[in-house]
Amino acid sequence: MPFNGEKQCVGEDQPSDSDSSRFSESMASLSDYECSRQSFTSDSSSKSSSPASTSPPRVVTFDEVMAATRNLSNLTLAHEIAVNENFQLKQEALPENSLAGRVKHIVHQAFWDVLDSELNADPPEFEHAIKLFEEIREILLSFLTPGGNRLRNQICEVLDTDLIRQQAEHSAVDIQGLANYVISTMGKLCAPVRDNDIRELKATGNIVEVLRQTFHVLDLMKMDMANFTIMSLRPHLQRQLVEYERTKFQEILEETPRKAKVAGAS
């Protein structure tokens, strides 16, 4: 059923040829614009004169974005390692007066305060301490080379958390003895630059502070291991840099076009 406006138009003068031409051009431009929008946001590569694609616009997933970012980061990192002889990873310390620094200090202090109260309770609670030794065991094992089976077996035997729990149930667990073994093992695995840190650990009397500082030194040892790996890989990277960069750049190009569509649409 026609609207009132349409009925009134029937009785009016017909538009001139120039008006009709302009109207046709406007409609053609609008049609081209709509078709270009459809081809821009869909996976179809059809021409503007083709029917509109019924496929929805492609949605880029978070994993795809992260994959492209990782490729670019890896390419940049590899180039920096190869050309910069002084490149090293460093532990980033939060400023103490910053909000993040204060929050980190409060949370960590609360954790160690709880551990201290549990170990000094009557009877003592050992579950959190056992979980810490379990984490320490995994870190120590990560430092070992594939051929270090003897030390690996020893670490797994001494820091057997199931056995430690059984000992704790009978109040027979020696937390200080376990800590001493950990410190001794760290001394065998650490770089010479950490020898002084190991001596300070041995001189610390409070068991909670020993465990706290143990994790700090383990973090430093992980950084040392990463830098040693970088130093070892640098000559190989320098020889393979051109081919590596070409391969990585191709991977980035394969990921980027899909992202560019979404970025341009926004």
C-alpha atoms as a PDB file:
ATOM      1  CA  MET A   1       0.000   0.000   0.000  1.00  0.00           C
ATOM      2  CA  PRO A   2       1.592   3.329  -0.992  1.00  0.00           C
ATOM      3  CA  PHE A   3       2.293   6.054   1.558  1.00  0.00           C
ATOM      4  CA  ASN A   4       0.606   9.446   1.287  1.00  0.00           C
ATOM      5  CA  GLY A   5       3.794  11.067   0.072  1.00  0.00           C
ATOM      6  CA  GLU A   6       4.071   8.592  -2.742  1.00  0.00           C
ATOM      7  CA  LYS A   7       0.493   9.237  -3.855  1.00  0.00           C
ATOM      8  CA  GLN A   8       1.077  12.979  -4.018  1.00  0.00           C
ATOM      9  CA  CYS A   9       4.214  12.499  -6.120  1.00  0.00           C
ATOM     10  CA  VAL A  10       2.214  10.771  -8.832  1.00  0.00           C
ATOM     11  CA  GLY A  11       0.286  13.903  -9.544  1.00  0.00           C
ATOM     12  CA  GLU A  12       3.351  16.184  -9.673  1.00  0.00           C
ATOM     13  CA  ASP A  13       5.441  17.024 -12.725  1.00  0.00           C
ATOM     14  CA  GLN A  14       7.897  14.378 -13.803  1.00  0.00           C
ATOM     15  CA  PRO A  15      11.539  15.165 -12.945  1.00  0.00           C
ATOM     16  CA  SER A  16      13.734  16.614 -15.677  1.00  0.00           C
ATOM     17  CA  ASP A  17      16.339  14.577 -17.535  1.00  0.00           C
ATOM     18  CA  SER A  18      19.172  16.262 -15.612  1.00  0.00           C
ATOM     19  CA  ASP A  19      17.506  15.468 -12.276  1.00  0.00           C
ATOM     20  CA  SER A  20      17.036  11.867 -13.344  1.00  0.00           C
ATOM     21  CA  SER A  21      20.673  11.675 -14.380  1.00  0.00           C
ATOM     22  CA  ARG A  22      21.880  13.032 -11.037  1.00  0.00           C
ATOM     23  CA  PHE A  23      19.561  10.663  -9.178  1.00  0.00           C
ATOM     24  CA  SER A  24      20.870   7.685 -11.162  1.00  0.00           C
ATOM     25  CA  GLU A  25      24.465   8.703 -10.481  1.00  0.00           C
ATOM     26  CA  SER A  26      23.713   9.018  -6.738  1.00  0.00           C
ATOM     27  CA  MET A  27      22.130   5.600  -6.618  1.00  0.00           C
ATOM     28  CA  ALA A  28      25.069   4.111  -8.528  1.00  0.00           C
ATOM     29  CA  SER A  29      27.544   5.729  -6.142  1.00  0.00           C
ATOM     30  CA  LEU A  30      25.587   4.469  -3.146  1.00  0.00           C
ATOM     31  CA  SER A  31      25.530   0.959  -4.612  1.00  0.00           C
ATOM     32  CA  ASP A  32      29.290   1.049  -5.206  1.00  0.00           C
ATOM     33  CA  TYR A  33      29.860   2.259  -1.645  1.00  0.00           C
ATOM     34  CA  GLU A  34      27.758  -0.522  -0.144  1.00  0.00           C
ATOM     35  CA  CYS A  35      29.506  -3.162  -2.258  1.00  0.00           C
ATOM     36  CA  SER A  36      32.934  -1.873  -1.332  1.00  0.00           C
ATOM     37  CA  ARG A  37      32.004  -2.065   2.367  1.00  0.00           C
ATOM     38  CA  GLN A  38      30.893  -5.660   1.928  1.00  0.00           C
ATOM     39  CA  SER A  39      34.075  -6.669   0.118  1.00  0.00           C
ATOM     40  CA  PHE A  40      36.169  -4.850   2.744  1.00  0.00           C
ATOM     41  CA  THR A  41      34.667  -6.632   5.743  1.00  0.00           C
ATOM     42  CA  SER A  42      34.118 -10.115   4.297  1.00  0.00           C
ATOM     43  CA  ASP A  43      36.422 -12.831   3.083  1.00  0.00           C
ATOM     44  CA  SER A  44      34.774 -12.770  -0.367  1.00  0.00           C
ATOM     45  CA  SER A  45      36.735 -11.171  -3.198  1.00  0.00           C
ATOM     46  CA  SER A  46      33.655 -10.609  -5.408  1.00  0.00           C
ATOM     47  CA  LYS A  47      33.265  -7.468  -7.516  1.00  0.00           C
ATOM     48  CA  SER A  48      30.921  -4.638  -6.518  1.00  0.00           C
ATOM     49  CA  SER A  49      28.429  -5.719  -9.162  1.00  0.00           C
ATOM     50  CA  SER A  50      28.121  -9.185  -7.623  1.00  0.00           C
ATOM     51  CA  PRO A  51      25.439  -9.989  -5.048  1.00  0.00           C
ATOM     52  CA  ALA A  52      26.368  -9.163  -1.451  1.00  0.00           C
ATOM     53  CA  SER A  53      28.174 -11.996   0.300  1.00  0.00           C
ATOM     54  CA  THR A  54      26.216 -13.743   3.040  1.00  0.00           C
ATOM     55  CA  SER A  55      29.426 -14.666   4.956  1.00  0.00           C
ATOM     56  CA  PRO A  56      29.911 -12.748   8.199  1.00  0.00           C
ATOM     57  CA  PRO A  57      32.985 -10.523   8.626  1.00  0.00           C
ATOM     58  CA  ARG A  58      36.040 -12.497   9.776  1.00  0.00           C
ATOM     59  CA  VAL A  59      36.713 -12.067  13.481  1.00  0.00           C
ATOM     60  CA  VAL A  60      40.378 -12.007  14.493  1.00  0.00           C
ATOM     61  CA  THR A  61      41.009 -14.044  17.619  1.00  0.00           C
ATOM     62  CA  PHE A  62      43.217 -12.989  20.512  1.00  0.00           C
ATOM     63  CA  ASP A  63      45.515 -15.959  19.836  1.00  0.00           C
ATOM     64  CA  GLU A  64      46.119 -14.789  16.268  1.00  0.00           C
ATOM     65  CA  VAL A  65      46.983 -11.280  17.409  1.00  0.00           C
ATOM     66  CA  MET A  66      49.360 -12.671  20.026  1.00  0.00           C
ATOM     67  CA  ALA A  67      50.947 -14.995  17.452  1.00  0.00           C
ATOM     68  CA  ALA A  68      51.734 -12.073  15.154  1.00  0.00           C
ATOM     69  CA  THR A  69      53.065 -10.067  18.097  1.00  0.00           C
ATOM     70  CA  ARG A  70      55.268 -12.950  19.221  1.00  0.00           C
ATOM     71  CA  ASN A  71      56.705 -13.315  15.727  1.00  0.00           C
ATOM     72  CA  LEU A  72      57.611  -9.629  15.619  1.00  0.00           C
ATOM     73  CA  SER A  73      59.026  -9.724  19.152  1.00  0.00           C
ATOM     74  CA  ASN A  74      61.093 -12.820  18.367  1.00  0.00           C
ATOM     75  CA  LEU A  75      62.437 -11.193  15.201  1.00  0.00           C
ATOM     76  CA  THR A  76      63.428  -8.036  17.080  1.00  0.00           C
ATOM     77  CA  LEU A  77      64.956 -10.000  19.958  1.00  0.00           C
ATOM     78  CA  ALA A  78      66.971 -12.271  17.668  1.00  0.00           C
ATOM     79  CA  HIS A  79      68.347  -9.275  15.771  1.00  0.00           C
ATOM     80  CA  GLU A  80      69.330  -7.520  19.011  1.00  0.00           C
ATOM     81  CA  ILE A  81      71.063 -10.628  20.381  1.00  0.00           C
ATOM     82  CA  ALA A  82      73.015 -11.125  17.155  1.00  0.00           C
ATOM     83  CA  VAL A  83      74.258  -7.553  16.663  1.00  0.00           C
ATOM     84  CA  ASN A  84      74.659  -6.412  20.286  1.00  0.00           C
ATOM     85  CA  GLU A  85      77.523  -8.216  22.016  1.00  0.00           C
ATOM     86  CA  ASN A  86      76.563  -6.641  25.367  1.00  0.00           C
ATOM     87  CA  PHE A  87      72.903  -7.667  25.266  1.00  0.00           C
ATOM     88  CA  GLN A  88      71.750  -9.279  28.523  1.00  0.00           C
ATOM     89  CA  LEU A  89      68.485  -9.893  30.302  1.00  0.00           C
ATOM     90  CA  LYS A  90      68.153  -7.993  33.552  1.00  0.00           C
ATOM     91  CA  GLN A  91      65.775  -8.351  36.452  1.00  0.00           C
ATOM     92  CA  GLU A  92      63.353  -5.454  36.519  1.00  0.00           C
ATOM     93  CA  ALA A  93      62.814  -4.003  39.980  1.00  0.00           C
ATOM     94  CA  LEU A  94      59.658  -2.032  40.682  1.00  0.00           C
ATOM     95  CA  PRO A  95      60.248   1.365  42.345  1.00  0.00           C
ATOM     96  CA  GLU A  96      59.498   1.037  46.053  1.00  0.00           C
ATOM     97  CA  ASN A  97      57.421   4.223  46.110  1.00  0.00           C
ATOM     98  CA  SER A  98      55.270   3.141  43.155  1.00  0.00           C
ATOM     99  CA  LEU A  99      51.811   1.644  43.642  1.00  0.00           C
ATOM    100  CA  ALA A 100      52.845  -1.637  42.018  1.00  0.00           C
ATOM    101  CA  GLY A 101      55.956  -1.772  44.193  1.00  0.00           C
ATOM    102  CA  ARG A 102      53.995  -1.199  47.397  1.00  0.00           C
ATOM    103  CA  VAL A 103      51.327  -3.757  46.470  1.00  0.00           C
ATOM    104  CA  LYS A 104      53.984  -6.353  45.643  1.00  0.00           C
ATOM    105  CA  HIS A 105      55.760  -5.732  48.953  1.00  0.00           C
ATOM    106  CA  ILE A 106      52.524  -5.982  50.966  1.00  0.00           C
ATOM    107  CA  VAL A 107      51.398  -9.199  49.255  1.00  0.00           C
ATOM    108  CA  HIS A 108      54.797 -10.866  49.597  1.00  0.00           C
ATOM    109  CA  GLN A 109      55.160  -9.791  53.213  1.00  0.00           C
ATOM    110  CA  ALA A 110      51.712 -11.158  54.032  1.00  0.00           C
ATOM    111  CA  PHE A 111      52.622 -14.516  52.475  1.00  0.00           C
ATOM    112  CA  TRP A 112      55.844 -14.866  54.472  1.00  0.00           C
ATOM    113  CA  ASP A 113      54.112 -13.710  57.667  1.00  0.00           C
ATOM    114  CA  VAL A 114      51.537 -16.488  57.249  1.00  0.00           C
ATOM    115  CA  LEU A 115      54.303 -19.032  56.682  1.00  0.00           C
ATOM    116  CA  ASP A 116      56.106 -17.826  59.795  1.00  0.00           C
ATOM    117  CA  SER A 117      52.958 -18.150  61.917  1.00  0.00           C
ATOM    118  CA  GLU A 118      52.295 -21.664  60.577  1.00  0.00           C
ATOM    119  CA  LEU A 119      55.811 -22.925  61.290  1.00  0.00           C
ATOM    120  CA  ASN A 120      55.711 -21.450  64.801  1.00  0.00           C
ATOM    121  CA  ALA A 121      52.245 -22.793  65.608  1.00  0.00           C
ATOM    122  CA  ASP A 122      51.731 -25.589  68.129  1.00  0.00           C
ATOM    123  CA  PRO A 123      51.683 -28.054  66.472  1.00  0.00           C
ATOM    124  CA  PRO A 124      53.413 -26.582  63.393  1.00  0.00           C
ATOM    125  CA  GLU A 125      51.697 -26.505  60.015  1.00  0.00           C
ATOM    126  CA  PHE A 126      53.982 -27.592  57.176  1.00  0.00           C
ATOM    127  CA  GLU A 127      51.750 -27.680  54.087  1.00  0.00           C
ATOM    128  CA  HIS A 128      52.778 -24.280  52.683  1.00  0.00           C
ATOM    129  CA  ALA A 129      56.438 -24.996  53.398  1.00  0.00           C
ATOM    130  CA  ILE A 130      56.149 -28.338  51.594  1.00  0.00           C
ATOM    131  CA  LYS A 131      54.655 -26.623  48.539  1.00  0.00           C
ATOM    132  CA  LEU A 132      57.595 -24.212  48.537  1.00  0.00           C
ATOM    133  CA  PHE A 133      60.057 -27.108  48.558  1.00  0.00           C
ATOM    134  CA  GLU A 134      58.124 -28.698  45.707  1.00  0.00           C
ATOM    135  CA  GLU A 135      58.507 -25.502  43.677  1.00  0.00           C
ATOM    136  CA  ILE A 136      62.199 -25.269  44.602  1.00  0.00           C
ATOM    137  CA  ARG A 137      62.694 -28.855  43.431  1.00  0.00           C
ATOM    138  CA  GLU A 138      61.263 -28.075  39.989  1.00  0.00           C
ATOM    139  CA  ILE A 139      63.463 -24.991  39.635  1.00  0.00           C
ATOM    140  CA  LEU A 140      66.592 -26.935  40.581  1.00  0.00           C
ATOM    141  CA  LEU A 141      65.717 -29.669  38.083  1.00  0.00           C
ATOM    142  CA  SER A 142      65.309 -27.050  35.343  1.00  0.00           C
ATOM    143  CA  PHE A 143      68.974 -26.084  35.778  1.00  0.00           C
ATOM    144  CA  LEU A 144      70.249 -29.594  35.057  1.00  0.00           C
ATOM    145  CA  THR A 145      71.645 -30.709  31.724  1.00  0.00           C
ATOM    146  CA  PRO A 146      70.230 -33.891  30.137  1.00  0.00           C
ATOM    147  CA  GLY A 147      73.207 -35.868  31.431  1.00  0.00           C
ATOM    148  CA  GLY A 148      72.825 -34.880  35.089  1.00  0.00           C
ATOM    149  CA  ASN A 149      70.946 -38.018  36.083  1.00  0.00           C
ATOM    150  CA  ARG A 150      72.779 -38.622  39.359  1.00  0.00           C
ATOM    151  CA  LEU A 151      72.043 -35.176  40.765  1.00  0.00           C
ATOM    152  CA  ARG A 152      68.532 -35.302  39.329  1.00  0.00           C
ATOM    153  CA  ASN A 153      67.784 -38.529  41.183  1.00  0.00           C
ATOM    154  CA  GLN A 154      69.260 -37.130  44.383  1.00  0.00           C
ATOM    155  CA  ILE A 155      67.149 -33.956  44.214  1.00  0.00           C
ATOM    156  CA  CYS A 156      63.984 -35.964  43.559  1.00  0.00           C
ATOM    157  CA  GLU A 157      64.804 -38.311  46.437  1.00  0.00           C
ATOM    158  CA  VAL A 158      65.607 -35.650  49.050  1.00  0.00           C
ATOM    159  CA  LEU A 159      62.782 -33.302  48.012  1.00  0.00           C
ATOM    160  CA  ASP A 160      60.177 -36.043  47.657  1.00  0.00           C
ATOM    161  CA  THR A 161      57.094 -34.132  48.793  1.00  0.00           C
ATOM    162  CA  ASP A 162      55.067 -37.286  49.468  1.00  0.00           C
ATOM    163  CA  LEU A 163      57.747 -38.478  51.866  1.00  0.00           C
ATOM    164  CA  ILE A 164      58.035 -35.024  53.441  1.00  0.00           C
ATOM    165  CA  ARG A 165      54.266 -34.979  54.060  1.00  0.00           C
ATOM    166  CA  GLN A 166      54.445 -38.357  55.758  1.00  0.00           C
ATOM    167  CA  GLN A 167      57.244 -37.061  57.974  1.00  0.00           C
ATOM    168  CA  ALA A 168      55.220 -33.919  58.737  1.00  0.00           C
ATOM    169  CA  GLU A 169      52.250 -36.007  59.869  1.00  0.00           C
ATOM    170  CA  HIS A 170      54.514 -37.578  62.495  1.00  0.00           C
ATOM    171  CA  SER A 171      56.245 -34.264  63.334  1.00  0.00           C
ATOM    172  CA  ALA A 172      59.501 -35.731  62.045  1.00  0.00           C
ATOM    173  CA  VAL A 173      60.201 -33.358  59.153  1.00  0.00           C
ATOM    174  CA  ASP A 174      63.465 -31.391  59.275  1.00  0.00           C
ATOM    175  CA  ILE A 175      62.708 -28.128  57.459  1.00  0.00           C
ATOM    176  CA  GLN A 176      66.098 -26.629  58.281  1.00  0.00           C
ATOM    177  CA  GLY A 177      67.862 -29.749  56.996  1.00  0.00           C
ATOM    178  CA  LEU A 178      65.931 -29.574  53.730  1.00  0.00           C
ATOM    179  CA  ALA A 179      66.818 -25.891  53.384  1.00  0.00           C
ATOM    180  CA  ASN A 180      70.501 -26.669  53.959  1.00  0.00           C
ATOM    181  CA  TYR A 181      70.399 -29.317  51.228  1.00  0.00           C
ATOM    182  CA  VAL A 182      68.767 -26.843  48.826  1.00  0.00           C
ATOM    183  CA  ILE A 183      71.420 -24.199  49.522  1.00  0.00           C
ATOM    184  CA  SER A 184      74.211 -26.729  49.045  1.00  0.00           C
ATOM    185  CA  THR A 185      72.735 -27.851  45.715  1.00  0.00           C
ATOM    186  CA  MET A 186      72.322 -24.256  44.577  1.00  0.00           C
ATOM    187  CA  GLY A 187      76.025 -23.730  45.301  1.00  0.00           C
ATOM    188  CA  LYS A 188      76.845 -26.559  42.883  1.00  0.00           C
ATOM    189  CA  LEU A 189      74.645 -25.185  40.124  1.00  0.00           C
ATOM    190  CA  CYS A 190      75.087 -21.420  40.368  1.00  0.00           C
ATOM    191  CA  ALA A 191      77.510 -19.203  38.456  1.00  0.00           C
ATOM    192  CA  PRO A 192      80.575 -17.950  40.378  1.00  0.00           C
ATOM    193  CA  VAL A 193      78.989 -14.505  40.582  1.00  0.00           C
ATOM    194  CA  ARG A 194      76.383 -15.972  43.000  1.00  0.00           C
ATOM    195  CA  ASP A 195      78.873 -17.493  45.453  1.00  0.00           C
ATOM    196  CA  ASN A 196      78.494 -14.573  47.837  1.00  0.00           C
ATOM    197  CA  ASP A 197      74.695 -14.936  47.777  1.00  0.00           C
ATOM    198  CA  ILE A 198      75.079 -18.613  48.695  1.00  0.00           C
ATOM    199  CA  ARG A 199      77.347 -17.726  51.625  1.00  0.00           C
ATOM    200  CA  GLU A 200      74.778 -15.225  52.887  1.00  0.00           C
ATOM    201  CA  LEU A 201      72.063 -17.875  52.668  1.00  0.00           C
ATOM    202  CA  LYS A 202      74.142 -20.269  54.748  1.00  0.00           C
ATOM    203  CA  ALA A 203      74.642 -17.567  57.382  1.00  0.00           C
ATOM    204  CA  THR A 204      70.913 -16.783  57.689  1.00  0.00           C
ATOM    205  CA  GLY A 205      69.393 -18.260  60.841  1.00  0.00           C
ATOM    206  CA  ASN A 206      65.643 -17.694  60.451  1.00  0.00           C
ATOM    207  CA  ILE A 207      64.085 -20.461  58.353  1.00  0.00           C
ATOM    208  CA  VAL A 208      61.411 -18.197  56.831  1.00  0.00           C
ATOM    209  CA  GLU A 209      64.039 -15.666  55.782  1.00  0.00           C
ATOM    210  CA  VAL A 210      66.142 -18.516  54.389  1.00  0.00           C
ATOM    211  CA  LEU A 211      63.263 -19.660  52.182  1.00  0.00           C
ATOM    212  CA  ARG A 212      62.477 -16.104  51.158  1.00  0.00           C
ATOM    213  CA  GLN A 213      66.058 -15.354  50.125  1.00  0.00           C
ATOM    214  CA  THR A 214      66.347 -18.770  48.479  1.00  0.00           C
ATOM    215  CA  PHE A 215      63.650 -17.814  45.980  1.00  0.00           C
ATOM    216  CA  HIS A 216      65.367 -14.477  45.378  1.00  0.00           C
ATOM    217  CA  VAL A 217      68.682 -16.178  44.571  1.00  0.00           C
ATOM    218  CA  LEU A 218      66.916 -18.784  42.417  1.00  0.00           C
ATOM    219  CA  ASP A 219      65.426 -15.945  40.358  1.00  0.00           C
ATOM    220  CA  LEU A 220      68.926 -14.536  39.870  1.00  0.00           C
ATOM    221  CA  MET A 221      70.192 -17.975  38.858  1.00  0.00           C
ATOM    222  CA  LYS A 222      67.417 -18.293  36.272  1.00  0.00           C
ATOM    223  CA  MET A 223      68.489 -14.943  34.832  1.00  0.00           C
ATOM    224  CA  ASP A 224      72.114 -16.126  34.760  1.00  0.00           C
ATOM    225  CA  MET A 225      71.064 -19.285  32.938  1.00  0.00           C
ATOM    226  CA  ALA A 226      69.089 -17.299  30.361  1.00  0.00           C
ATOM    227  CA  ASN A 227      72.033 -14.970  29.712  1.00  0.00           C
ATOM    228  CA  PHE A 228      74.403 -17.928  29.411  1.00  0.00           C
ATOM    229  CA  THR A 229      72.067 -19.468  26.837  1.00  0.00           C
ATOM    230  CA  ILE A 230      71.975 -16.182  24.921  1.00  0.00           C
ATOM    231  CA  MET A 231      75.774 -15.996  24.919  1.00  0.00           C
ATOM    232  CA  SER A 232      75.999 -19.585  23.681  1.00  0.00           C
ATOM    233  CA  LEU A 233      73.469 -19.024  20.903  1.00  0.00           C
ATOM    234  CA  ARG A 234      74.888 -15.698  19.682  1.00  0.00           C
ATOM    235  CA  PRO A 235      77.534 -17.159  17.287  1.00  0.00           C
ATOM    236  CA  HIS A 236      74.933 -19.494  15.769  1.00  0.00           C
ATOM    237  CA  LEU A 237      72.421 -16.642  15.437  1.00  0.00           C
ATOM    238  CA  GLN A 238      75.002 -14.433  13.765  1.00  0.00           C
ATOM    239  CA  ARG A 239      75.619 -17.103  11.124  1.00  0.00           C
ATOM    240  CA  GLN A 240      71.925 -17.782  10.550  1.00  0.00           C
ATOM    241  CA  LEU A 241      70.556 -14.256  11.086  1.00  0.00           C
ATOM    242  CA  VAL A 242      69.716 -13.399   7.465  1.00  0.00           C
ATOM    243  CA  GLU A 243      67.837 -16.634   6.842  1.00  0.00           C
ATOM    244  CA  TYR A 244      66.110 -16.461  10.240  1.00  0.00           C
ATOM    245  CA  GLU A 245      64.940 -12.881   9.662  1.00  0.00           C
ATOM    246  CA  ARG A 246      63.683 -13.764   6.182  1.00  0.00           C
ATOM    247  CA  THR A 247      61.682 -16.701   7.558  1.00  0.00           C
ATOM    248  CA  LYS A 248      60.252 -14.753  10.485  1.00  0.00           C
ATOM    249  CA  PHE A 249      59.363 -11.785   8.288  1.00  0.00           C
ATOM    250  CA  GLN A 250      57.462 -14.100   5.954  1.00  0.00           C
ATOM    251  CA  GLU A 251      55.534 -15.500   8.936  1.00  0.00           C
ATOM    252  CA  ILE A 252      54.642 -11.960  10.000  1.00  0.00           C
ATOM    253  CA  LEU A 253      53.443 -11.108   6.484  1.00  0.00           C
ATOM    254  CA  GLU A 254      51.235 -14.192   6.472  1.00  0.00           C
ATOM    255  CA  GLU A 255      49.611 -13.099   9.731  1.00  0.00           C
ATOM    256  CA  THR A 256      49.377  -9.343   9.104  1.00  0.00           C
ATOM    257  CA  PRO A 257      46.886  -9.009   6.181  1.00  0.00           C
ATOM    258  CA  ARG A 258      44.028 -10.495   8.196  1.00  0.00           C
ATOM    259  CA  LYS A 259      44.704  -8.069  11.033  1.00  0.00           C
ATOM    260  CA  ALA A 260      45.048  -5.110   8.658  1.00  0.00           C
ATOM    261  CA  LYS A 261      41.485  -5.556   7.459  1.00  0.00           C
ATOM    262  CA  VAL A 262      40.093  -5.292  10.958  1.00  0.00           C
ATOM    263  CA  ALA A 263      42.399  -2.397  11.861  1.00  0.00           C
ATOM    264  CA  GLY A 264      41.371  -0.490   8.735  1.00  0.00           C
ATOM    265  CA  ALA A 265      37.662  -1.123   9.360  1.00  0.00           C
ATOM    266  CA  SER A 266      37.886   0.365  12.848  1.00  0.00           C
END
